Every structure is written in C-alpha cells, then in structure tokens.
Amino acid sequence: MTTRRLIWILWPSFIVGGIAEVLFFTAFDPLDMMFLGYPITWSREAVYSVGFFVFWAICAASSTATCLLQLTSEKINR
C-alpha cells in the first residue's frame, strides 16, 4: 500500500473518529457505562482514549473497504 493511499485512509478516519467520539460521549457518561454486564472502572480519560481508538479503527476499516472497492480488476490481478 502506498503512502498516499495510507494517508487517504488514516487522515479522514482520524477526523471522523474524533467527531464520532465527541457525539457519542456527549450522550453517554463513561462512568455510567457497562461492559459485558460489569461497570467500567477506568478513569474518564482512559475510556475517552480507548473510545477514540475504537472509533478511529472502525472508520479506518470503512475507508479501507472504500479504497479496496475502488480498485479495478486490472490492478487487483497484477
């Protein structure tokens, strides 16, 4: 994968991941959240950080799928 394509994937997903985190944690307090039936005992900052990376990974997967679906059959079969 080229550096240019990697930037096309990671930079927009970084921005959208940040926006998704802000919108999500505006509605939900990290200290009131449960995971698999147990309360999360981490600090708010830790939950915000993990949440951001989860949102970033989801958005990066979406951007990666978009880039892969744009490839022509000639590029795939080289």
PDB file of N, CA and C in Angstrom:
ATOM      1  N   MET A   1       0.849  -1.172   0.000  1.00  0.00           N
ATOM      2  CA  MET A   1       0.000   0.000   0.000  1.00  0.00           C
ATOM      3  C   MET A   1       0.896   1.236   0.000  1.00  0.00           C
ATOM      4  N   THR A   2       0.577   2.163  -0.834  1.00  0.00           N
ATOM      5  CA  THR A   2       1.393   3.363  -0.936  1.00  0.00           C
ATOM      6  C   THR A   2       1.121   4.306   0.230  1.00  0.00           C
ATOM      7  N   THR A   3       2.063   5.201   0.433  1.00  0.00           N
ATOM      8  CA  THR A   3       1.918   6.193   1.498  1.00  0.00           C
ATOM      9  C   THR A   3       0.725   7.091   1.231  1.00  0.00           C
ATOM     10  N   ARG A   4       0.519   7.443  -0.024  1.00  0.00           N
ATOM     11  CA  ARG A   4      -0.607   8.309  -0.379  1.00  0.00           C
ATOM     12  C   ARG A   4      -1.933   7.644  -0.019  1.00  0.00           C
ATOM     13  N   ARG A   5      -2.068   6.367  -0.350  1.00  0.00           N
ATOM     14  CA  ARG A   5      -3.316   5.660  -0.048  1.00  0.00           C
ATOM     15  C   ARG A   5      -3.490   5.522   1.464  1.00  0.00           C
ATOM     16  N   LEU A   6      -2.398   5.294   2.186  1.00  0.00           N
ATOM     17  CA  LEU A   6      -2.467   5.196   3.642  1.00  0.00           C
ATOM     18  C   LEU A   6      -2.950   6.514   4.250  1.00  0.00           C
ATOM     19  N   ILE A   7      -2.489   7.632   3.704  1.00  0.00           N
ATOM     20  CA  ILE A   7      -2.943   8.946   4.171  1.00  0.00           C
ATOM     21  C   ILE A   7      -4.416   9.136   3.827  1.00  0.00           C
ATOM     22  N   TRP A   8      -4.852   8.674   2.654  1.00  0.00           N
ATOM     23  CA  TRP A   8      -6.261   8.773   2.269  1.00  0.00           C
ATOM     24  C   TRP A   8      -7.145   8.006   3.238  1.00  0.00           C
ATOM     25  N   ILE A   9      -6.614   6.950   3.818  1.00  0.00           N
ATOM     26  CA  ILE A   9      -7.392   6.130   4.745  1.00  0.00           C
ATOM     27  C   ILE A   9      -7.341   6.693   6.161  1.00  0.00           C
ATOM     28  N   LEU A  10      -6.141   6.980   6.660  1.00  0.00           N
ATOM     29  CA  LEU A  10      -5.991   7.320   8.082  1.00  0.00           C
ATOM     30  C   LEU A  10      -6.417   8.741   8.437  1.00  0.00           C
ATOM     31  N   TRP A  11      -6.155   9.709   7.568  1.00  0.00           N
ATOM     32  CA  TRP A  11      -6.472  11.087   7.935  1.00  0.00           C
ATOM     33  C   TRP A  11      -7.980  11.333   8.027  1.00  0.00           C
ATOM     34  N   PRO A  12      -8.787  10.972   7.012  1.00  0.00           N
ATOM     35  CA  PRO A  12     -10.237  11.180   7.167  1.00  0.00           C
ATOM     36  C   PRO A  12     -10.834  10.347   8.295  1.00  0.00           C
ATOM     37  N   SER A  13     -10.332   9.131   8.484  1.00  0.00           N
ATOM     38  CA  SER A  13     -10.872   8.308   9.568  1.00  0.00           C
ATOM     39  C   SER A  13     -10.509   8.885  10.934  1.00  0.00           C
ATOM     40  N   PHE A  14      -9.360   9.546  11.046  1.00  0.00           N
ATOM     41  CA  PHE A  14      -8.973  10.231  12.280  1.00  0.00           C
ATOM     42  C   PHE A  14      -9.963  11.345  12.602  1.00  0.00           C
ATOM     43  N   ILE A  15     -10.291  12.141  11.607  1.00  0.00           N
ATOM     44  CA  ILE A  15     -11.212  13.265  11.805  1.00  0.00           C
ATOM     45  C   ILE A  15     -12.608  12.753  12.159  1.00  0.00           C
ATOM     46  N   VAL A  16     -13.102  11.780  11.401  1.00  0.00           N
ATOM     47  CA  VAL A  16     -14.449  11.260  11.655  1.00  0.00           C
ATOM     48  C   VAL A  16     -14.488  10.502  12.982  1.00  0.00           C
ATOM     49  N   GLY A  17     -13.401   9.801  13.331  1.00  0.00           N
ATOM     50  CA  GLY A  17     -13.334   9.134  14.628  1.00  0.00           C
ATOM     51  C   GLY A  17     -13.427  10.127  15.776  1.00  0.00           C
ATOM     52  N   GLY A  18     -12.770  11.265  15.631  1.00  0.00           N
ATOM     53  CA  GLY A  18     -12.856  12.311  16.652  1.00  0.00           C
ATOM     54  C   GLY A  18     -14.260  12.885  16.776  1.00  0.00           C
ATOM     55  N   ILE A  19     -14.895  13.113  15.629  1.00  0.00           N
ATOM     56  CA  ILE A  19     -16.265  13.629  15.642  1.00  0.00           C
ATOM     57  C   ILE A  19     -17.209  12.602  16.266  1.00  0.00           C
ATOM     58  N   ALA A  20     -17.036  11.331  15.905  1.00  0.00           N
ATOM     59  CA  ALA A  20     -17.894  10.282  16.465  1.00  0.00           C
ATOM     60  C   ALA A  20     -17.720  10.182  17.972  1.00  0.00           C
ATOM     61  N   GLU A  21     -16.482  10.327  18.445  1.00  0.00           N
ATOM     62  CA  GLU A  21     -16.246  10.266  19.885  1.00  0.00           C
ATOM     63  C   GLU A  21     -16.941  11.419  20.601  1.00  0.00           C
ATOM     64  N   VAL A  22     -16.824  12.608  20.065  1.00  0.00           N
ATOM     65  CA  VAL A  22     -17.466  13.769  20.685  1.00  0.00           C
ATOM     66  C   VAL A  22     -18.978  13.567  20.749  1.00  0.00           C
ATOM     67  N   LEU A  23     -19.568  13.122  19.643  1.00  0.00           N
ATOM     68  CA  LEU A  23     -21.018  12.919  19.628  1.00  0.00           C
ATOM     69  C   LEU A  23     -21.442  11.799  20.577  1.00  0.00           C
ATOM     70  N   PHE A  24     -20.685  10.712  20.606  1.00  0.00           N
ATOM     71  CA  PHE A  24     -21.035   9.580  21.464  1.00  0.00           C
ATOM     72  C   PHE A  24     -20.936   9.958  22.939  1.00  0.00           C
ATOM     73  N   PHE A  25     -19.808  10.577  23.332  1.00  0.00           N
ATOM     74  CA  PHE A  25     -19.613  10.876  24.748  1.00  0.00           C
ATOM     75  C   PHE A  25     -20.348  12.134  25.190  1.00  0.00           C
ATOM     76  N   THR A  26     -20.955  12.848  24.262  1.00  0.00           N
ATOM     77  CA  THR A  26     -21.877  13.904  24.651  1.00  0.00           C
ATOM     78  C   THR A  26     -23.161  13.296  25.200  1.00  0.00           C
ATOM     79  N   ALA A  27     -23.531  12.145  24.655  1.00  0.00           N
ATOM     80  CA  ALA A  27     -24.776  11.487  25.074  1.00  0.00           C
ATOM     81  C   ALA A  27     -24.567  10.505  26.227  1.00  0.00           C
ATOM     82  N   PHE A  28     -23.370   9.917  26.344  1.00  0.00           N
ATOM     83  CA  PHE A  28     -23.133   8.873  27.341  1.00  0.00           C
ATOM     84  C   PHE A  28     -21.963   9.233  28.239  1.00  0.00           C
ATOM     85  N   ASP A  29     -22.164   9.078  29.538  1.00  0.00           N
ATOM     86  CA  ASP A  29     -21.101   9.325  30.518  1.00  0.00           C
ATOM     87  C   ASP A  29     -20.285   8.041  30.692  1.00  0.00           C
ATOM     88  N   PRO A  30     -18.959   8.105  30.557  1.00  0.00           N
ATOM     89  CA  PRO A  30     -18.137   6.897  30.685  1.00  0.00           C
ATOM     90  C   PRO A  30     -18.263   6.195  32.031  1.00  0.00           C
ATOM     91  N   LEU A  31     -18.544   6.935  33.094  1.00  0.00           N
ATOM     92  CA  LEU A  31     -18.642   6.317  34.413  1.00  0.00           C
ATOM     93  C   LEU A  31     -19.952   5.557  34.604  1.00  0.00           C
ATOM     94  N   ASP A  32     -20.941   5.797  33.746  1.00  0.00           N
ATOM     95  CA  ASP A  32     -22.219   5.091  33.824  1.00  0.00           C
ATOM     96  C   ASP A  32     -22.288   3.900  32.874  1.00  0.00           C
ATOM     97  N   MET A  33     -21.225   3.668  32.108  1.00  0.00           N
ATOM     98  CA  MET A  33     -21.253   2.621  31.088  1.00  0.00           C
ATOM     99  C   MET A  33     -20.941   1.254  31.681  1.00  0.00           C
ATOM    100  N   MET A  34     -21.473   0.225  31.021  1.00  0.00           N
ATOM    101  CA  MET A  34     -21.239  -1.165  31.419  1.00  0.00           C
ATOM    102  C   MET A  34     -20.594  -1.889  30.236  1.00  0.00           C
ATOM    103  N   PHE A  35     -19.753  -2.879  30.542  1.00  0.00           N
ATOM    104  CA  PHE A  35     -19.144  -3.714  29.512  1.00  0.00           C
ATOM    105  C   PHE A  35     -19.317  -5.165  29.921  1.00  0.00           C
ATOM    106  N   LEU A  36     -20.077  -5.909  29.122  1.00  0.00           N
ATOM    107  CA  LEU A  36     -20.397  -7.312  29.407  1.00  0.00           C
ATOM    108  C   LEU A  36     -21.049  -7.486  30.780  1.00  0.00           C
ATOM    109  N   GLY A  37     -21.873  -6.524  31.154  1.00  0.00           N
ATOM    110  CA  GLY A  37     -22.607  -6.606  32.408  1.00  0.00           C
ATOM    111  C   GLY A  37     -21.870  -6.073  33.618  1.00  0.00           C
ATOM    112  N   TYR A  38     -20.632  -5.638  33.453  1.00  0.00           N
ATOM    113  CA  TYR A  38     -19.843  -5.108  34.567  1.00  0.00           C
ATOM    114  C   TYR A  38     -19.578  -3.624  34.344  1.00  0.00           C
ATOM    115  N   PRO A  39     -19.603  -2.835  35.414  1.00  0.00           N
ATOM    116  CA  PRO A  39     -19.312  -1.408  35.246  1.00  0.00           C
ATOM    117  C   PRO A  39     -17.848  -1.198  34.864  1.00  0.00           C
ATOM    118  N   ILE A  40     -17.625  -0.200  34.046  1.00  0.00           N
ATOM    119  CA  ILE A  40     -16.255   0.146  33.654  1.00  0.00           C
ATOM    120  C   ILE A  40     -15.630   0.931  34.802  1.00  0.00           C
ATOM    121  N   THR A  41     -14.489   0.475  35.282  1.00  0.00           N
ATOM    122  CA  THR A  41     -13.854   1.102  36.442  1.00  0.00           C
ATOM    123  C   THR A  41     -12.668   1.987  36.049  1.00  0.00           C
ATOM    124  N   TRP A  42     -12.466   2.177  34.758  1.00  0.00           N
ATOM    125  CA  TRP A  42     -11.364   3.032  34.308  1.00  0.00           C
ATOM    126  C   TRP A  42     -11.725   4.497  34.535  1.00  0.00           C
ATOM    127  N   SER A  43     -10.722   5.352  34.454  1.00  0.00           N
ATOM    128  CA  SER A  43     -10.974   6.790  34.551  1.00  0.00           C
ATOM    129  C   SER A  43     -11.670   7.265  33.276  1.00  0.00           C
ATOM    130  N   ARG A  44     -12.264   8.434  33.356  1.00  0.00           N
ATOM    131  CA  ARG A  44     -12.922   9.002  32.161  1.00  0.00           C
ATOM    132  C   ARG A  44     -11.938   9.168  31.013  1.00  0.00           C
ATOM    133  N   GLU A  45     -10.739   9.639  31.318  1.00  0.00           N
ATOM    134  CA  GLU A  45      -9.742   9.861  30.269  1.00  0.00           C
ATOM    135  C   GLU A  45      -9.359   8.560  29.574  1.00  0.00           C
ATOM    136  N   ALA A  46      -9.260   7.474  30.342  1.00  0.00           N
ATOM    137  CA  ALA A  46      -8.923   6.178  29.745  1.00  0.00           C
ATOM    138  C   ALA A  46     -10.048   5.706  28.822  1.00  0.00           C
ATOM    139  N   VAL A  47     -11.292   5.880  29.250  1.00  0.00           N
ATOM    140  CA  VAL A  47     -12.424   5.472  28.419  1.00  0.00           C
ATOM    141  C   VAL A  47     -12.500   6.342  27.167  1.00  0.00           C
ATOM    142  N   TYR A  48     -12.243   7.646  27.304  1.00  0.00           N
ATOM    143  CA  TYR A  48     -12.221   8.528  26.139  1.00  0.00           C
ATOM    144  C   TYR A  48     -11.137   8.090  25.154  1.00  0.00           C
ATOM    145  N   SER A  49      -9.963   7.759  25.665  1.00  0.00           N
ATOM    146  CA  SER A  49      -8.854   7.357  24.797  1.00  0.00           C
ATOM    147  C   SER A  49      -9.156   6.057  24.068  1.00  0.00           C
ATOM    148  N   VAL A  50      -9.610   5.053  24.804  1.00  0.00           N
ATOM    149  CA  VAL A  50      -9.936   3.767  24.174  1.00  0.00           C
ATOM    150  C   VAL A  50     -11.095   3.950  23.196  1.00  0.00           C
ATOM    151  N   GLY A  51     -12.075   4.739  23.585  1.00  0.00           N
ATOM    152  CA  GLY A  51     -13.211   5.005  22.702  1.00  0.00           C
ATOM    153  C   GLY A  51     -12.775   5.657  21.403  1.00  0.00           C
ATOM    154  N   PHE A  52     -11.855   6.624  21.504  1.00  0.00           N
ATOM    155  CA  PHE A  52     -11.365   7.276  20.286  1.00  0.00           C
ATOM    156  C   PHE A  52     -10.685   6.273  19.367  1.00  0.00           C
ATOM    157  N   PHE A  53      -9.824   5.422  19.920  1.00  0.00           N
ATOM    158  CA  PHE A  53      -9.125   4.463  19.073  1.00  0.00           C
ATOM    159  C   PHE A  53     -10.078   3.431  18.469  1.00  0.00           C
ATOM    160  N   VAL A  54     -11.113   3.075  19.197  1.00  0.00           N
ATOM    161  CA  VAL A  54     -12.119   2.158  18.634  1.00  0.00           C
ATOM    162  C   VAL A  54     -12.862   2.834  17.486  1.00  0.00           C
ATOM    163  N   PHE A  55     -13.306   4.069  17.685  1.00  0.00           N
ATOM    164  CA  PHE A  55     -13.986   4.792  16.609  1.00  0.00           C
ATOM    165  C   PHE A  55     -13.058   5.002  15.421  1.00  0.00           C
ATOM    166  N   TRP A  56     -11.790   5.323  15.676  1.00  0.00           N
ATOM    167  CA  TRP A  56     -10.818   5.525  14.600  1.00  0.00           C
ATOM    168  C   TRP A  56     -10.623   4.226  13.816  1.00  0.00           C
ATOM    169  N   ALA A  57     -10.522   3.104  14.513  1.00  0.00           N
ATOM    170  CA  ALA A  57     -10.342   1.815  13.840  1.00  0.00           C
ATOM    171  C   ALA A  57     -11.558   1.463  12.980  1.00  0.00           C
ATOM    172  N   ILE A  58     -12.748   1.719  13.489  1.00  0.00           N
ATOM    173  CA  ILE A  58     -13.956   1.440  12.706  1.00  0.00           C
ATOM    174  C   ILE A  58     -13.995   2.312  11.452  1.00  0.00           C
ATOM    175  N   CYS A  59     -13.677   3.586  11.614  1.00  0.00           N
ATOM    176  CA  CYS A  59     -13.676   4.490  10.458  1.00  0.00           C
ATOM    177  C   CYS A  59     -12.560   4.132   9.483  1.00  0.00           C
ATOM    178  N   ALA A  60     -11.406   3.705   9.976  1.00  0.00           N
ATOM    179  CA  ALA A  60     -10.312   3.292   9.096  1.00  0.00           C
ATOM    180  C   ALA A  60     -10.685   2.034   8.322  1.00  0.00           C
ATOM    181  N   ALA A  61     -11.390   1.118   8.956  1.00  0.00           N
ATOM    182  CA  ALA A  61     -11.849  -0.089   8.252  1.00  0.00           C
ATOM    183  C   ALA A  61     -12.819   0.289   7.135  1.00  0.00           C
ATOM    184  N   SER A  62     -13.685   1.242   7.402  1.00  0.00           N
ATOM    185  CA  SER A  62     -14.620   1.701   6.381  1.00  0.00           C
ATOM    186  C   SER A  62     -13.876   2.364   5.216  1.00  0.00           C
ATOM    187  N   SER A  63     -12.905   3.210   5.517  1.00  0.00           N
ATOM    188  CA  SER A  63     -12.128   3.869   4.467  1.00  0.00           C
ATOM    189  C   SER A  63     -11.303   2.864   3.669  1.00  0.00           C
ATOM    190  N   THR A  64     -10.769   1.852   4.352  1.00  0.00           N
ATOM    191  CA  THR A  64     -10.011   0.807   3.666  1.00  0.00           C
ATOM    192  C   THR A  64     -10.903   0.034   2.705  1.00  0.00           C
ATOM    193  N   ALA A  65     -12.095  -0.298   3.144  1.00  0.00           N
ATOM    194  CA  ALA A  65     -13.034  -1.008   2.276  1.00  0.00           C
ATOM    195  C   ALA A  65     -13.378  -0.162   1.053  1.00  0.00           C
ATOM    196  N   THR A  66     -13.549   1.139   1.251  1.00  0.00           N
ATOM    197  CA  THR A  66     -13.842   2.025   0.131  1.00  0.00           C
ATOM    198  C   THR A  66     -12.691   2.041  -0.862  1.00  0.00           C
ATOM    199  N   CYS A  67     -11.451   2.141  -0.369  1.00  0.00           N
ATOM    200  CA  CYS A  67     -10.289   2.145  -1.262  1.00  0.00           C
ATOM    201  C   CYS A  67     -10.157   0.818  -2.002  1.00  0.00           C
ATOM    202  N   LEU A  68     -10.416  -0.281  -1.329  1.00  0.00           N
ATOM    203  CA  LEU A  68     -10.325  -1.583  -1.988  1.00  0.00           C
ATOM    204  C   LEU A  68     -11.411  -1.767  -3.039  1.00  0.00           C
ATOM    205  N   LEU A  69     -12.600  -1.253  -2.782  1.00  0.00           N
ATOM    206  CA  LEU A  69     -13.685  -1.382  -3.742  1.00  0.00           C
ATOM    207  C   LEU A  69     -13.492  -0.484  -4.964  1.00  0.00           C
ATOM    208  N   GLN A  70     -12.623   0.522  -4.869  1.00  0.00           N
ATOM    209  CA  GLN A  70     -12.344   1.401  -6.000  1.00  0.00           C
ATOM    210  C   GLN A  70     -11.352   0.796  -6.983  1.00  0.00           C
ATOM    211  N   LEU A  71     -10.638  -0.246  -6.574  1.00  0.00           N
ATOM    212  CA  LEU A  71      -9.628  -0.837  -7.440  1.00  0.00           C
ATOM    213  C   LEU A  71     -10.277  -1.511  -8.646  1.00  0.00           C
ATOM    214  N   THR A  72      -9.639  -1.353  -9.788  1.00  0.00           N
ATOM    215  CA  THR A  72     -10.116  -2.027 -10.992  1.00  0.00           C
ATOM    216  C   THR A  72      -9.620  -3.466 -10.991  1.00  0.00           C
ATOM    217  N   SER A  73     -10.212  -4.280 -11.838  1.00  0.00           N
ATOM    218  CA  SER A  73      -9.794  -5.680 -11.899  1.00  0.00           C
ATOM    219  C   SER A  73      -8.355  -5.811 -12.404  1.00  0.00           C
ATOM    220  N   GLU A  74      -7.902  -4.888 -13.247  1.00  0.00           N
ATOM    221  CA  GLU A  74      -6.514  -4.933 -13.713  1.00  0.00           C
ATOM    222  C   GLU A  74      -5.529  -4.723 -12.569  1.00  0.00           C
ATOM    223  N   LYS A  75      -5.851  -3.787 -11.661  1.00  0.00           N
ATOM    224  CA  LYS A  75      -4.964  -3.540 -10.526  1.00  0.00           C
ATOM    225  C   LYS A  75      -4.972  -4.699  -9.542  1.00  0.00           C
ATOM    226  N   ILE A  76      -6.117  -5.328  -9.376  1.00  0.00           N
ATOM    227  CA  ILE A  76      -6.209  -6.445  -8.434  1.00  0.00           C
ATOM    228  C   ILE A  76      -5.465  -7.667  -8.962  1.00  0.00           C
ATOM    229  N   ASN A  77      -5.565  -7.923 -10.258  1.00  0.00           N
ATOM    230  CA  ASN A  77      -4.999  -9.139 -10.846  1.00  0.00           C
ATOM    231  C   ASN A  77      -3.556  -9.010 -11.309  1.00  0.00           C
ATOM    232  N   ARG A  78      -2.885  -7.913 -11.017  1.00  0.00           N
ATOM    233  CA  ARG A  78      -1.475  -7.772 -11.409  1.00  0.00           C
ATOM    234  C   ARG A  78      -0.599  -8.718 -10.658  1.00  0.00           C
TER     235      ARG A  78
END
